[in-house]
Amino acid sequence: MKRSELAEYIKETIVEVLSEVSQEDVDTQKVYNDELEKTKDLTADLKEEDDVEPTAKDIDKNDSVSVISRKLQDTTKEMKSTVNQWKKAEGEDKERLLARLKDLTKIKKELEGLL
């Protein structure tokens, strides 16, 4: 097969395939492409944020591991004392202490997540 015959065959095949595609398929593909572009923009933004080095202010704002560890120990100690008070309490005091224990549990989980 000569080069010109091959080129003609390829053109005919492409035209044949493209003529089979409906307008609905084209519209659907455009929607998918738009969504893909949005996703690419979001991932590019995330990569840019990850690539930025922390400044001295950012480092100062973040607590060190030892400070977080100390806060976790203090929270655990407060939880133990609150549990002891809760065991002795009755009525509204018991409910108030239970709410405090739930708050302390949330704080403890956040601190553990930071470590």
PDB file of N, CA and C in Angstrom:
ATOM      1  N   MET A   1       0.845  -1.165   0.000  1.00  0.00           N
ATOM      2  CA  MET A   1       0.000   0.000   0.000  1.00  0.00           C
ATOM      3  C   MET A   1       0.898   1.237   0.000  1.00  0.00           C
ATOM      4  N   LYS A   2       0.595   2.139  -0.906  1.00  0.00           N
ATOM      5  CA  LYS A   2       1.383   3.356  -1.022  1.00  0.00           C
ATOM      6  C   LYS A   2       1.017   4.311   0.110  1.00  0.00           C
ATOM      7  N   ARG A   3       1.918   5.246   0.306  1.00  0.00           N
ATOM      8  CA  ARG A   3       1.724   6.221   1.374  1.00  0.00           C
ATOM      9  C   ARG A   3       0.464   7.046   1.137  1.00  0.00           C
ATOM     10  N   SER A   4       0.208   7.463  -0.070  1.00  0.00           N
ATOM     11  CA  SER A   4      -0.977   8.259  -0.372  1.00  0.00           C
ATOM     12  C   SER A   4      -2.255   7.449  -0.152  1.00  0.00           C
ATOM     13  N   GLU A   5      -2.223   6.158  -0.516  1.00  0.00           N
ATOM     14  CA  GLU A   5      -3.378   5.295  -0.297  1.00  0.00           C
ATOM     15  C   GLU A   5      -3.624   5.100   1.194  1.00  0.00           C
ATOM     16  N   LEU A   6      -2.545   4.949   1.962  1.00  0.00           N
ATOM     17  CA  LEU A   6      -2.658   4.791   3.411  1.00  0.00           C
ATOM     18  C   LEU A   6      -3.245   6.047   4.037  1.00  0.00           C
ATOM     19  N   ALA A   7      -2.771   7.208   3.619  1.00  0.00           N
ATOM     20  CA  ALA A   7      -3.291   8.464   4.149  1.00  0.00           C
ATOM     21  C   ALA A   7      -4.770   8.608   3.828  1.00  0.00           C
ATOM     22  N   GLU A   8      -5.169   8.262   2.643  1.00  0.00           N
ATOM     23  CA  GLU A   8      -6.579   8.340   2.245  1.00  0.00           C
ATOM     24  C   GLU A   8      -7.419   7.372   3.075  1.00  0.00           C
ATOM     25  N   TYR A   9      -6.901   6.165   3.300  1.00  0.00           N
ATOM     26  CA  TYR A   9      -7.615   5.179   4.103  1.00  0.00           C
ATOM     27  C   TYR A   9      -7.804   5.677   5.538  1.00  0.00           C
ATOM     28  N   ILE A  10      -6.779   6.264   6.098  1.00  0.00           N
ATOM     29  CA  ILE A  10      -6.851   6.791   7.463  1.00  0.00           C
ATOM     30  C   ILE A  10      -7.874   7.915   7.538  1.00  0.00           C
ATOM     31  N   LYS A  11      -7.870   8.831   6.552  1.00  0.00           N
ATOM     32  CA  LYS A  11      -8.841   9.919   6.530  1.00  0.00           C
ATOM     33  C   LYS A  11     -10.265   9.381   6.474  1.00  0.00           C
ATOM     34  N   GLU A  12     -10.494   8.407   5.607  1.00  0.00           N
ATOM     35  CA  GLU A  12     -11.824   7.821   5.471  1.00  0.00           C
ATOM     36  C   GLU A  12     -12.263   7.166   6.778  1.00  0.00           C
ATOM     37  N   THR A  13     -11.352   6.461   7.434  1.00  0.00           N
ATOM     38  CA  THR A  13     -11.662   5.793   8.691  1.00  0.00           C
ATOM     39  C   THR A  13     -12.009   6.813   9.775  1.00  0.00           C
ATOM     40  N   ILE A  14     -11.250   7.883   9.841  1.00  0.00           N
ATOM     41  CA  ILE A  14     -11.501   8.922  10.839  1.00  0.00           C
ATOM     42  C   ILE A  14     -12.855   9.572  10.596  1.00  0.00           C
ATOM     43  N   VAL A  15     -13.138   9.915   9.353  1.00  0.00           N
ATOM     44  CA  VAL A  15     -14.422  10.532   9.017  1.00  0.00           C
ATOM     45  C   VAL A  15     -15.566   9.583   9.359  1.00  0.00           C
ATOM     46  N   GLU A  16     -15.396   8.326   9.076  1.00  0.00           N
ATOM     47  CA  GLU A  16     -16.422   7.326   9.355  1.00  0.00           C
ATOM     48  C   GLU A  16     -16.686   7.214  10.856  1.00  0.00           C
ATOM     49  N   VAL A  17     -15.627   7.170  11.645  1.00  0.00           N
ATOM     50  CA  VAL A  17     -15.768   7.045  13.100  1.00  0.00           C
ATOM     51  C   VAL A  17     -16.394   8.305  13.682  1.00  0.00           C
ATOM     52  N   LEU A  18     -15.934   9.447  13.225  1.00  0.00           N
ATOM     53  CA  LEU A  18     -16.461  10.704  13.763  1.00  0.00           C
ATOM     54  C   LEU A  18     -17.916  10.927  13.368  1.00  0.00           C
ATOM     55  N   SER A  19     -18.324  10.458  12.245  1.00  0.00           N
ATOM     56  CA  SER A  19     -19.714  10.634  11.830  1.00  0.00           C
ATOM     57  C   SER A  19     -20.652   9.775  12.665  1.00  0.00           C
ATOM     58  N   GLU A  20     -20.152   8.727  13.293  1.00  0.00           N
ATOM     59  CA  GLU A  20     -20.966   7.867  14.140  1.00  0.00           C
ATOM     60  C   GLU A  20     -21.232   8.492  15.505  1.00  0.00           C
ATOM     61  N   VAL A  21     -20.461   9.463  15.913  1.00  0.00           N
ATOM     62  CA  VAL A  21     -20.604  10.099  17.215  1.00  0.00           C
ATOM     63  C   VAL A  21     -21.795  11.043  17.168  1.00  0.00           C
ATOM     64  N   SER A  22     -22.689  10.925  18.165  1.00  0.00           N
ATOM     65  CA  SER A  22     -23.867  11.789  18.202  1.00  0.00           C
ATOM     66  C   SER A  22     -23.543  13.104  18.912  1.00  0.00           C
ATOM     67  N   GLN A  23     -24.420  14.075  18.749  1.00  0.00           N
ATOM     68  CA  GLN A  23     -24.236  15.375  19.403  1.00  0.00           C
ATOM     69  C   GLN A  23     -24.323  15.215  20.921  1.00  0.00           C
ATOM     70  N   GLU A  24     -25.146  14.284  21.386  1.00  0.00           N
ATOM     71  CA  GLU A  24     -25.281  14.037  22.824  1.00  0.00           C
ATOM     72  C   GLU A  24     -23.952  13.557  23.403  1.00  0.00           C
ATOM     73  N   ASP A  25     -23.261  12.696  22.658  1.00  0.00           N
ATOM     74  CA  ASP A  25     -21.956  12.216  23.106  1.00  0.00           C
ATOM     75  C   ASP A  25     -20.957  13.364  23.192  1.00  0.00           C
ATOM     76  N   VAL A  26     -21.017  14.263  22.243  1.00  0.00           N
ATOM     77  CA  VAL A  26     -20.110  15.415  22.229  1.00  0.00           C
ATOM     78  C   VAL A  26     -20.397  16.319  23.428  1.00  0.00           C
ATOM     79  N   ASP A  27     -21.687  16.578  23.695  1.00  0.00           N
ATOM     80  CA  ASP A  27     -22.057  17.423  24.832  1.00  0.00           C
ATOM     81  C   ASP A  27     -21.636  16.790  26.154  1.00  0.00           C
ATOM     82  N   THR A  28     -21.844  15.494  26.265  1.00  0.00           N
ATOM     83  CA  THR A  28     -21.444  14.781  27.482  1.00  0.00           C
ATOM     84  C   THR A  28     -19.938  14.854  27.673  1.00  0.00           C
ATOM     85  N   GLN A  29     -19.200  14.711  26.602  1.00  0.00           N
ATOM     86  CA  GLN A  29     -17.745  14.778  26.692  1.00  0.00           C
ATOM     87  C   GLN A  29     -17.291  16.172  27.102  1.00  0.00           C
ATOM     88  N   LYS A  30     -17.977  17.206  26.619  1.00  0.00           N
ATOM     89  CA  LYS A  30     -17.634  18.575  27.018  1.00  0.00           C
ATOM     90  C   LYS A  30     -17.828  18.767  28.514  1.00  0.00           C
ATOM     91  N   VAL A  31     -18.922  18.221  29.050  1.00  0.00           N
ATOM     92  CA  VAL A  31     -19.171  18.320  30.493  1.00  0.00           C
ATOM     93  C   VAL A  31     -18.064  17.613  31.265  1.00  0.00           C
ATOM     94  N   TYR A  32     -17.700  16.411  30.813  1.00  0.00           N
ATOM     95  CA  TYR A  32     -16.617  15.681  31.469  1.00  0.00           C
ATOM     96  C   TYR A  32     -15.301  16.452  31.404  1.00  0.00           C
ATOM     97  N   ASN A  33     -15.023  17.060  30.269  1.00  0.00           N
ATOM     98  CA  ASN A  33     -13.790  17.838  30.128  1.00  0.00           C
ATOM     99  C   ASN A  33     -13.783  19.043  31.056  1.00  0.00           C
ATOM    100  N   ASP A  34     -14.932  19.718  31.187  1.00  0.00           N
ATOM    101  CA  ASP A  34     -15.030  20.860  32.097  1.00  0.00           C
ATOM    102  C   ASP A  34     -14.762  20.433  33.535  1.00  0.00           C
ATOM    103  N   GLU A  35     -15.352  19.309  33.937  1.00  0.00           N
ATOM    104  CA  GLU A  35     -15.126  18.794  35.287  1.00  0.00           C
ATOM    105  C   GLU A  35     -13.666  18.409  35.495  1.00  0.00           C
ATOM    106  N   LEU A  36     -13.073  17.849  34.478  1.00  0.00           N
ATOM    107  CA  LEU A  36     -11.661  17.473  34.558  1.00  0.00           C
ATOM    108  C   LEU A  36     -10.785  18.705  34.740  1.00  0.00           C
ATOM    109  N   GLU A  37     -11.093  19.769  34.033  1.00  0.00           N
ATOM    110  CA  GLU A  37     -10.332  21.017  34.171  1.00  0.00           C
ATOM    111  C   GLU A  37     -10.461  21.578  35.586  1.00  0.00           C
ATOM    112  N   LYS A  38     -11.671  21.518  36.156  1.00  0.00           N
ATOM    113  CA  LYS A  38     -11.863  21.992  37.528  1.00  0.00           C
ATOM    114  C   LYS A  38     -11.015  21.182  38.490  1.00  0.00           C
ATOM    115  N   THR A  39     -10.989  19.873  38.283  1.00  0.00           N
ATOM    116  CA  THR A  39     -10.203  18.993  39.135  1.00  0.00           C
ATOM    117  C   THR A  39      -8.715  19.308  39.003  1.00  0.00           C
ATOM    118  N   LYS A  40      -8.273  19.556  37.784  1.00  0.00           N
ATOM    119  CA  LYS A  40      -6.863  19.902  37.572  1.00  0.00           C
ATOM    120  C   LYS A  40      -6.521  21.199  38.287  1.00  0.00           C
ATOM    121  N   ASP A  41      -7.427  22.190  38.226  1.00  0.00           N
ATOM    122  CA  ASP A  41      -7.191  23.460  38.916  1.00  0.00           C
ATOM    123  C   ASP A  41      -7.102  23.261  40.418  1.00  0.00           C
ATOM    124  N   LEU A  42      -7.978  22.424  40.976  1.00  0.00           N
ATOM    125  CA  LEU A  42      -7.960  22.174  42.409  1.00  0.00           C
ATOM    126  C   LEU A  42      -6.682  21.473  42.834  1.00  0.00           C
ATOM    127  N   THR A  43      -6.267  20.477  42.073  1.00  0.00           N
ATOM    128  CA  THR A  43      -5.047  19.764  42.442  1.00  0.00           C
ATOM    129  C   THR A  43      -3.825  20.662  42.284  1.00  0.00           C
ATOM    130  N   ALA A  44      -3.845  21.555  41.312  1.00  0.00           N
ATOM    131  CA  ALA A  44      -2.730  22.488  41.150  1.00  0.00           C
ATOM    132  C   ALA A  44      -2.659  23.431  42.341  1.00  0.00           C
ATOM    133  N   ASP A  45      -3.819  23.901  42.811  1.00  0.00           N
ATOM    134  CA  ASP A  45      -3.849  24.774  43.980  1.00  0.00           C
ATOM    135  C   ASP A  45      -3.320  24.050  45.208  1.00  0.00           C
ATOM    136  N   LEU A  46      -3.711  22.780  45.371  1.00  0.00           N
ATOM    137  CA  LEU A  46      -3.246  22.018  46.521  1.00  0.00           C
ATOM    138  C   LEU A  46      -1.743  21.801  46.468  1.00  0.00           C
ATOM    139  N   LYS A  47      -1.220  21.521  45.288  1.00  0.00           N
ATOM    140  CA  LYS A  47       0.220  21.316  45.154  1.00  0.00           C
ATOM    141  C   LYS A  47       0.973  22.600  45.479  1.00  0.00           C
ATOM    142  N   GLU A  48       0.429  23.742  45.053  1.00  0.00           N
ATOM    143  CA  GLU A  48       1.083  25.010  45.344  1.00  0.00           C
ATOM    144  C   GLU A  48       1.108  25.276  46.836  1.00  0.00           C
ATOM    145  N   GLU A  49       0.021  24.951  47.543  1.00  0.00           N
ATOM    146  CA  GLU A  49      -0.019  25.157  48.983  1.00  0.00           C
ATOM    147  C   GLU A  49       0.964  24.239  49.687  1.00  0.00           C
ATOM    148  N   ASP A  50       1.111  23.002  49.209  1.00  0.00           N
ATOM    149  CA  ASP A  50       2.014  22.055  49.833  1.00  0.00           C
ATOM    150  C   ASP A  50       3.474  22.429  49.588  1.00  0.00           C
ATOM    151  N   ASP A  51       3.755  23.057  48.461  1.00  0.00           N
ATOM    152  CA  ASP A  51       5.124  23.394  48.111  1.00  0.00           C
ATOM    153  C   ASP A  51       5.656  24.600  48.876  1.00  0.00           C
ATOM    154  N   VAL A  52       4.779  25.397  49.460  1.00  0.00           N
ATOM    155  CA  VAL A  52       5.189  26.607  50.153  1.00  0.00           C
ATOM    156  C   VAL A  52       5.853  26.230  51.475  1.00  0.00           C
ATOM    157  N   GLU A  53       7.028  26.770  51.690  1.00  0.00           N
ATOM    158  CA  GLU A  53       7.752  26.522  52.922  1.00  0.00           C
ATOM    159  C   GLU A  53       7.135  27.343  54.047  1.00  0.00           C
ATOM    160  N   PRO A  54       7.066  26.792  55.263  1.00  0.00           N
ATOM    161  CA  PRO A  54       6.502  27.565  56.372  1.00  0.00           C
ATOM    162  C   PRO A  54       7.407  28.732  56.737  1.00  0.00           C
ATOM    163  N   THR A  55       6.800  29.834  57.101  1.00  0.00           N
ATOM    164  CA  THR A  55       7.563  31.002  57.526  1.00  0.00           C
ATOM    165  C   THR A  55       7.884  30.890  59.007  1.00  0.00           C
ATOM    166  N   ALA A  56       8.669  31.819  59.508  1.00  0.00           N
ATOM    167  CA  ALA A  56       9.017  31.813  60.929  1.00  0.00           C
ATOM    168  C   ALA A  56       7.771  32.002  61.783  1.00  0.00           C
ATOM    169  N   LYS A  57       6.829  32.832  61.311  1.00  0.00           N
ATOM    170  CA  LYS A  57       5.575  33.040  62.054  1.00  0.00           C
ATOM    171  C   LYS A  57       4.779  31.747  62.134  1.00  0.00           C
ATOM    172  N   ASP A  58       4.724  31.004  61.016  1.00  0.00           N
ATOM    173  CA  ASP A  58       3.999  29.738  61.007  1.00  0.00           C
ATOM    174  C   ASP A  58       4.610  28.756  62.002  1.00  0.00           C
ATOM    175  N   ILE A  59       5.923  28.736  62.040  1.00  0.00           N
ATOM    176  CA  ILE A  59       6.603  27.820  62.960  1.00  0.00           C
ATOM    177  C   ILE A  59       6.341  28.223  64.395  1.00  0.00           C
ATOM    178  N   ASP A  60       6.345  29.514  64.681  1.00  0.00           N
ATOM    179  CA  ASP A  60       6.080  29.984  66.030  1.00  0.00           C
ATOM    180  C   ASP A  60       4.646  29.690  66.445  1.00  0.00           C
ATOM    181  N   LYS A  61       3.717  29.793  65.498  1.00  0.00           N
ATOM    182  CA  LYS A  61       2.314  29.535  65.814  1.00  0.00           C
ATOM    183  C   LYS A  61       2.095  28.076  66.190  1.00  0.00           C
ATOM    184  N   ASN A  62       2.773  27.181  65.526  1.00  0.00           N
ATOM    185  CA  ASN A  62       2.597  25.757  65.791  1.00  0.00           C
ATOM    186  C   ASN A  62       3.280  25.394  67.104  1.00  0.00           C
ATOM    187  N   ASP A  63       2.556  24.627  67.919  1.00  0.00           N
ATOM    188  CA  ASP A  63       3.130  24.208  69.192  1.00  0.00           C
ATOM    189  C   ASP A  63       4.123  23.077  68.964  1.00  0.00           C
ATOM    190  N   SER A  64       5.139  23.052  69.800  1.00  0.00           N
ATOM    191  CA  SER A  64       6.108  21.975  69.695  1.00  0.00           C
ATOM    192  C   SER A  64       5.503  20.700  70.274  1.00  0.00           C
ATOM    193  N   VAL A  65       6.142  19.605  70.017  1.00  0.00           N
ATOM    194  CA  VAL A  65       5.653  18.311  70.482  1.00  0.00           C
ATOM    195  C   VAL A  65       5.610  18.282  72.008  1.00  0.00           C
ATOM    196  N   SER A  66       6.605  18.870  72.640  1.00  0.00           N
ATOM    197  CA  SER A  66       6.635  18.849  74.107  1.00  0.00           C
ATOM    198  C   SER A  66       5.485  19.658  74.696  1.00  0.00           C
ATOM    199  N   VAL A  67       5.136  20.779  74.075  1.00  0.00           N
ATOM    200  CA  VAL A  67       4.033  21.595  74.567  1.00  0.00           C
ATOM    201  C   VAL A  67       2.712  20.843  74.382  1.00  0.00           C
ATOM    202  N   ILE A  68       2.535  20.226  73.230  1.00  0.00           N
ATOM    203  CA  ILE A  68       1.317  19.447  72.975  1.00  0.00           C
ATOM    204  C   ILE A  68       1.239  18.282  73.948  1.00  0.00           C
ATOM    205  N   SER A  69       2.365  17.629  74.184  1.00  0.00           N
ATOM    206  CA  SER A  69       2.407  16.511  75.120  1.00  0.00           C
ATOM    207  C   SER A  69       2.011  16.961  76.523  1.00  0.00           C
ATOM    208  N   ARG A  70       2.523  18.112  76.951  1.00  0.00           N
ATOM    209  CA  ARG A  70       2.185  18.639  78.272  1.00  0.00           C
ATOM    210  C   ARG A  70       0.697  18.964  78.356  1.00  0.00           C
ATOM    211  N   LYS A  71       0.151  19.571  77.310  1.00  0.00           N
ATOM    212  CA  LYS A  71      -1.276  19.883  77.292  1.00  0.00           C
ATOM    213  C   LYS A  71      -2.105  18.597  77.361  1.00  0.00           C
ATOM    214  N   LEU A  72      -1.644  17.561  76.684  1.00  0.00           N
ATOM    215  CA  LEU A  72      -2.345  16.282  76.711  1.00  0.00           C
ATOM    216  C   LEU A  72      -2.325  15.689  78.117  1.00  0.00           C
ATOM    217  N   GLN A  73      -1.188  15.778  78.794  1.00  0.00           N
ATOM    218  CA  GLN A  73      -1.087  15.277  80.159  1.00  0.00           C
ATOM    219  C   GLN A  73      -2.018  16.057  81.093  1.00  0.00           C
ATOM    220  N   ASP A  74      -2.050  17.370  80.933  1.00  0.00           N
ATOM    221  CA  ASP A  74      -2.930  18.196  81.763  1.00  0.00           C
ATOM    222  C   ASP A  74      -4.397  17.854  81.519  1.00  0.00           C
ATOM    223  N   THR A  75      -4.742  17.641  80.264  1.00  0.00           N
ATOM    224  CA  THR A  75      -6.125  17.294  79.926  1.00  0.00           C
ATOM    225  C   THR A  75      -6.494  15.948  80.525  1.00  0.00           C
ATOM    226  N   THR A  76      -5.587  14.980  80.442  1.00  0.00           N
ATOM    227  CA  THR A  76      -5.844  13.656  81.001  1.00  0.00           C
ATOM    228  C   THR A  76      -6.020  13.740  82.513  1.00  0.00           C
ATOM    229  N   LYS A  77      -5.178  14.533  83.158  1.00  0.00           N
ATOM    230  CA  LYS A  77      -5.277  14.705  84.609  1.00  0.00           C
ATOM    231  C   LYS A  77      -6.617  15.338  84.980  1.00  0.00           C
ATOM    232  N   GLU A  78      -7.025  16.355  84.236  1.00  0.00           N
ATOM    233  CA  GLU A  78      -8.300  17.008  84.500  1.00  0.00           C
ATOM    234  C   GLU A  78      -9.462  16.035  84.269  1.00  0.00           C
ATOM    235  N   MET A  79      -9.333  15.192  83.260  1.00  0.00           N
ATOM    236  CA  MET A  79     -10.380  14.198  83.004  1.00  0.00           C
ATOM    237  C   MET A  79     -10.519  13.232  84.179  1.00  0.00           C
ATOM    238  N   LYS A  80      -9.408  12.797  84.732  1.00  0.00           N
ATOM    239  CA  LYS A  80      -9.451  11.869  85.866  1.00  0.00           C
ATOM    240  C   LYS A  80     -10.116  12.513  87.076  1.00  0.00           C
ATOM    241  N   SER A  81      -9.765  13.745  87.364  1.00  0.00           N
ATOM    242  CA  SER A  81     -10.382  14.415  88.512  1.00  0.00           C
ATOM    243  C   SER A  81     -11.870  14.661  88.264  1.00  0.00           C
ATOM    244  N   THR A  82     -12.226  14.973  87.021  1.00  0.00           N
ATOM    245  CA  THR A  82     -13.637  15.199  86.686  1.00  0.00           C
ATOM    246  C   THR A  82     -14.429  13.905  86.813  1.00  0.00           C
ATOM    247  N   VAL A  83     -13.831  12.782  86.427  1.00  0.00           N
ATOM    248  CA  VAL A  83     -14.512  11.489  86.563  1.00  0.00           C
ATOM    249  C   VAL A  83     -14.764  11.181  88.031  1.00  0.00           C
ATOM    250  N   ASN A  84     -13.784  11.454  88.880  1.00  0.00           N
ATOM    251  CA  ASN A  84     -13.965  11.215  90.315  1.00  0.00           C
ATOM    252  C   ASN A  84     -15.092  12.085  90.865  1.00  0.00           C
ATOM    253  N   GLN A  85     -15.152  13.352  90.441  1.00  0.00           N
ATOM    254  CA  GLN A  85     -16.233  14.237  90.883  1.00  0.00           C
ATOM    255  C   GLN A  85     -17.576  13.746  90.345  1.00  0.00           C
ATOM    256  N   TRP A  86     -17.571  13.256  89.106  1.00  0.00           N
ATOM    257  CA  TRP A  86     -18.795  12.769  88.472  1.00  0.00           C
ATOM    258  C   TRP A  86     -19.371  11.566  89.223  1.00  0.00           C
ATOM    259  N   LYS A  87     -18.483  10.688  89.700  1.00  0.00           N
ATOM    260  CA  LYS A  87     -18.931   9.502  90.431  1.00  0.00           C
ATOM    261  C   LYS A  87     -19.657   9.884  91.715  1.00  0.00           C
ATOM    262  N   LYS A  88     -19.205  10.967  92.343  1.00  0.00           N
ATOM    263  CA  LYS A  88     -19.793  11.398  93.618  1.00  0.00           C
ATOM    264  C   LYS A  88     -21.008  12.297  93.419  1.00  0.00           C
ATOM    265  N   ALA A  89     -21.133  12.909  92.260  1.00  0.00           N
ATOM    266  CA  ALA A  89     -22.183  13.902  92.025  1.00  0.00           C
ATOM    267  C   ALA A  89     -23.533  13.248  91.748  1.00  0.00           C
ATOM    268  N   GLU A  90     -24.570  14.093  91.873  1.00  0.00           N
ATOM    269  CA  GLU A  90     -25.936  13.654  91.580  1.00  0.00           C
ATOM    270  C   GLU A  90     -26.671  14.784  90.872  1.00  0.00           C
ATOM    271  N   GLY A  91     -27.669  14.428  90.078  1.00  0.00           N
ATOM    272  CA  GLY A  91     -28.556  15.405  89.453  1.00  0.00           C
ATOM    273  C   GLY A  91     -27.880  16.269  88.400  1.00  0.00           C
ATOM    274  N   GLU A  92     -28.089  17.580  88.530  1.00  0.00           N
ATOM    275  CA  GLU A  92     -27.570  18.524  87.527  1.00  0.00           C
ATOM    276  C   GLU A  92     -26.048  18.569  87.506  1.00  0.00           C
ATOM    277  N   ASP A  93     -25.437  18.400  88.674  1.00  0.00           N
ATOM    278  CA  ASP A  93     -23.971  18.393  88.720  1.00  0.00           C
ATOM    279  C   ASP A  93     -23.409  17.245  87.879  1.00  0.00           C
ATOM    280  N   LYS A  94     -24.072  16.102  87.951  1.00  0.00           N
ATOM    281  CA  LYS A  94     -23.611  14.944  87.199  1.00  0.00           C
ATOM    282  C   LYS A  94     -23.699  15.211  85.697  1.00  0.00           C
ATOM    283  N   GLU A  95     -24.783  15.849  85.264  1.00  0.00           N
ATOM    284  CA  GLU A  95     -24.950  16.180  83.854  1.00  0.00           C
ATOM    285  C   GLU A  95     -23.924  17.214  83.398  1.00  0.00           C
ATOM    286  N   ARG A  96     -23.680  18.204  84.255  1.00  0.00           N
ATOM    287  CA  ARG A  96     -22.692  19.237  83.935  1.00  0.00           C
ATOM    288  C   ARG A  96     -21.300  18.625  83.802  1.00  0.00           C
ATOM    289  N   LEU A  97     -20.960  17.737  84.729  1.00  0.00           N
ATOM    290  CA  LEU A  97     -19.647  17.078  84.676  1.00  0.00           C
ATOM    291  C   LEU A  97     -19.540  16.156  83.460  1.00  0.00           C
ATOM    292  N   LEU A  98     -20.636  15.518  83.100  1.00  0.00           N
ATOM    293  CA  LEU A  98     -20.629  14.659  81.916  1.00  0.00           C
ATOM    294  C   LEU A  98     -20.370  15.489  80.655  1.00  0.00           C
ATOM    295  N   ALA A  99     -21.004  16.651  80.571  1.00  0.00           N
ATOM    296  CA  ALA A  99     -20.769  17.538  79.425  1.00  0.00           C
ATOM    297  C   ALA A  99     -19.304  17.984  79.384  1.00  0.00           C
ATOM    298  N   ARG A 100     -18.746  18.273  80.559  1.00  0.00           N
ATOM    299  CA  ARG A 100     -17.336  18.677  80.631  1.00  0.00           C
ATOM    300  C   ARG A 100     -16.425  17.526  80.183  1.00  0.00           C
ATOM    301  N   LEU A 101     -16.770  16.315  80.590  1.00  0.00           N
ATOM    302  CA  LEU A 101     -15.976  15.151  80.172  1.00  0.00           C
ATOM    303  C   LEU A 101     -16.016  14.969  78.657  1.00  0.00           C
ATOM    304  N   LYS A 102     -17.176  15.206  78.058  1.00  0.00           N
ATOM    305  CA  LYS A 102     -17.273  15.095  76.603  1.00  0.00           C
ATOM    306  C   LYS A 102     -16.401  16.146  75.923  1.00  0.00           C
ATOM    307  N   ASP A 103     -16.396  17.369  76.459  1.00  0.00           N
ATOM    308  CA  ASP A 103     -15.543  18.423  75.904  1.00  0.00           C
ATOM    309  C   ASP A 103     -14.063  18.063  76.044  1.00  0.00           C
ATOM    310  N   LEU A 104     -13.709  17.547  77.221  1.00  0.00           N
ATOM    311  CA  LEU A 104     -12.312  17.159  77.448  1.00  0.00           C
ATOM    312  C   LEU A 104     -11.901  16.012  76.524  1.00  0.00           C
ATOM    313  N   THR A 105     -12.823  15.113  76.235  1.00  0.00           N
ATOM    314  CA  THR A 105     -12.523  14.004  75.330  1.00  0.00           C
ATOM    315  C   THR A 105     -12.235  14.526  73.928  1.00  0.00           C
ATOM    316  N   LYS A 106     -13.020  15.497  73.478  1.00  0.00           N
ATOM    317  CA  LYS A 106     -12.770  16.096  72.169  1.00  0.00           C
ATOM    318  C   LYS A 106     -11.393  16.750  72.132  1.00  0.00           C
ATOM    319  N   ILE A 107     -11.070  17.487  73.191  1.00  0.00           N
ATOM    320  CA  ILE A 107      -9.769  18.162  73.263  1.00  0.00           C
ATOM    321  C   ILE A 107      -8.643  17.134  73.243  1.00  0.00           C
ATOM    322  N   LYS A 108      -8.827  16.065  74.009  1.00  0.00           N
ATOM    323  CA  LYS A 108      -7.798  15.016  74.075  1.00  0.00           C
ATOM    324  C   LYS A 108      -7.575  14.384  72.709  1.00  0.00           C
ATOM    325  N   LYS A 109      -8.655  14.112  71.975  1.00  0.00           N
ATOM    326  CA  LYS A 109      -8.517  13.510  70.658  1.00  0.00           C
ATOM    327  C   LYS A 109      -7.804  14.449  69.685  1.00  0.00           C
ATOM    328  N   GLU A 110      -8.095  15.737  69.782  1.00  0.00           N
ATOM    329  CA  GLU A 110      -7.413  16.713  68.924  1.00  0.00           C
ATOM    330  C   GLU A 110      -5.920  16.750  69.226  1.00  0.00           C
ATOM    331  N   LEU A 111      -5.589  16.758  70.506  1.00  0.00           N
ATOM    332  CA  LEU A 111      -4.177  16.783  70.908  1.00  0.00           C
ATOM    333  C   LEU A 111      -3.466  15.513  70.451  1.00  0.00           C
ATOM    334  N   GLU A 112      -4.136  14.368  70.606  1.00  0.00           N
ATOM    335  CA  GLU A 112      -3.529  13.115  70.156  1.00  0.00           C
ATOM    336  C   GLU A 112      -3.330  13.124  68.640  1.00  0.00           C
ATOM    337  N   GLY A 113      -4.237  13.766  67.938  1.00  0.00           N
ATOM    338  CA  GLY A 113      -4.096  13.869  66.485  1.00  0.00           C
ATOM    339  C   GLY A 113      -2.919  14.745  66.073  1.00  0.00           C
ATOM    340  N   LEU A 114      -2.587  15.724  66.901  1.00  0.00           N
ATOM    341  CA  LEU A 114      -1.457  16.603  66.603  1.00  0.00           C
ATOM    342  C   LEU A 114      -0.117  15.925  66.834  1.00  0.00           C
ATOM    343  N   LEU A 115      -0.119  14.926  67.708  1.00  0.00           N
ATOM    344  CA  LEU A 115       1.142  14.225  67.987  1.00  0.00           C
ATOM    345  C   LEU A 115       1.379  13.237  66.921  1.00  0.00           C
TER     346      LEU A 115
END
